[in-house]
Amino acid sequence: MRTDDTIRIMCPNLMCRKILAVPANARGKTVRCRYCRTTIRIPGSPTGKAPMPRG
């Protein structure tokens, strides 16, 4: 698998905090941490660009 085919995300459970690699096609979906079984919502779009401020 190429690096652009995966998303790295940290488990939000404070007792776990493992870094998970999930497939890019999981964007917008909910997955479970394989270590602690916490439900994690994967962001729907890449976080590379911030929206333009209105002014």
Protein backbone atom coordinates (compact mmCIF):
# COMPACT_ATOMS: atom_id res chain seq x y z
CA MET A 1 0.00 0.00 0.00
CA ARG A 2 1.30 3.47 -0.87
CA THR A 3 1.44 6.19 1.80
CA ASP A 4 -1.22 8.25 -0.01
CA ASP A 5 -3.58 5.25 0.26
CA THR A 6 -3.60 5.44 4.06
CA ILE A 7 -4.55 7.96 6.71
CA ARG A 8 -2.71 8.08 10.02
CA ILE A 9 -4.89 9.04 12.97
CA MET A 10 -4.41 8.90 16.73
CA CYS A 11 -6.94 7.05 18.86
CA PRO A 12 -8.86 9.64 20.92
CA ASN A 13 -9.02 7.34 23.96
CA LEU A 14 -6.64 8.89 26.52
CA MET A 15 -5.69 5.46 27.83
CA CYS A 16 -4.76 4.20 24.35
CA ARG A 17 -3.48 7.01 22.07
CA LYS A 18 -2.17 4.52 19.47
CA ILE A 19 -1.46 5.74 15.95
CA LEU A 20 -3.68 3.91 13.48
CA ALA A 21 -3.22 3.59 9.72
CA VAL A 22 -6.60 3.35 8.02
CA PRO A 23 -7.34 3.11 4.28
CA ALA A 24 -8.03 6.40 2.51
CA ASN A 25 -11.41 5.05 1.38
CA ALA A 26 -12.50 5.15 5.06
CA ARG A 27 -12.86 8.97 4.86
CA GLY A 28 -16.19 10.04 6.31
CA LYS A 29 -16.76 6.65 7.94
CA THR A 30 -16.52 5.32 11.46
CA VAL A 31 -13.86 2.76 12.40
CA ARG A 32 -12.83 1.03 15.62
CA CYS A 33 -9.40 1.15 17.21
CA ARG A 34 -7.93 -2.33 16.96
CA TYR A 35 -6.32 -1.98 20.41
CA CYS A 36 -9.07 -0.56 22.66
CA ARG A 37 -12.18 -0.82 20.43
CA THR A 38 -12.97 2.93 20.68
CA THR A 39 -15.13 4.23 17.82
CA ILE A 40 -13.33 6.85 15.69
CA ARG A 41 -14.86 9.08 13.00
CA ILE A 42 -12.42 9.54 10.10
CA PRO A 43 -12.45 13.10 8.66
CA GLY A 44 -14.19 13.35 5.30
CA SER A 45 -11.66 15.45 3.41
CA PRO A 46 -7.90 16.04 3.50
CA THR A 47 -6.86 18.71 5.99
CA GLY A 48 -4.29 20.28 3.69
CA LYS A 49 -6.11 23.54 2.94
CA ALA A 50 -7.86 25.92 5.30
CA PRO A 51 -11.00 27.70 4.08
CA MET A 52 -10.62 31.28 2.95
CA PRO A 53 -11.80 33.80 5.57
CA ARG A 54 -14.77 35.95 4.66
CA GLY A 55 -14.16 39.60 4.93
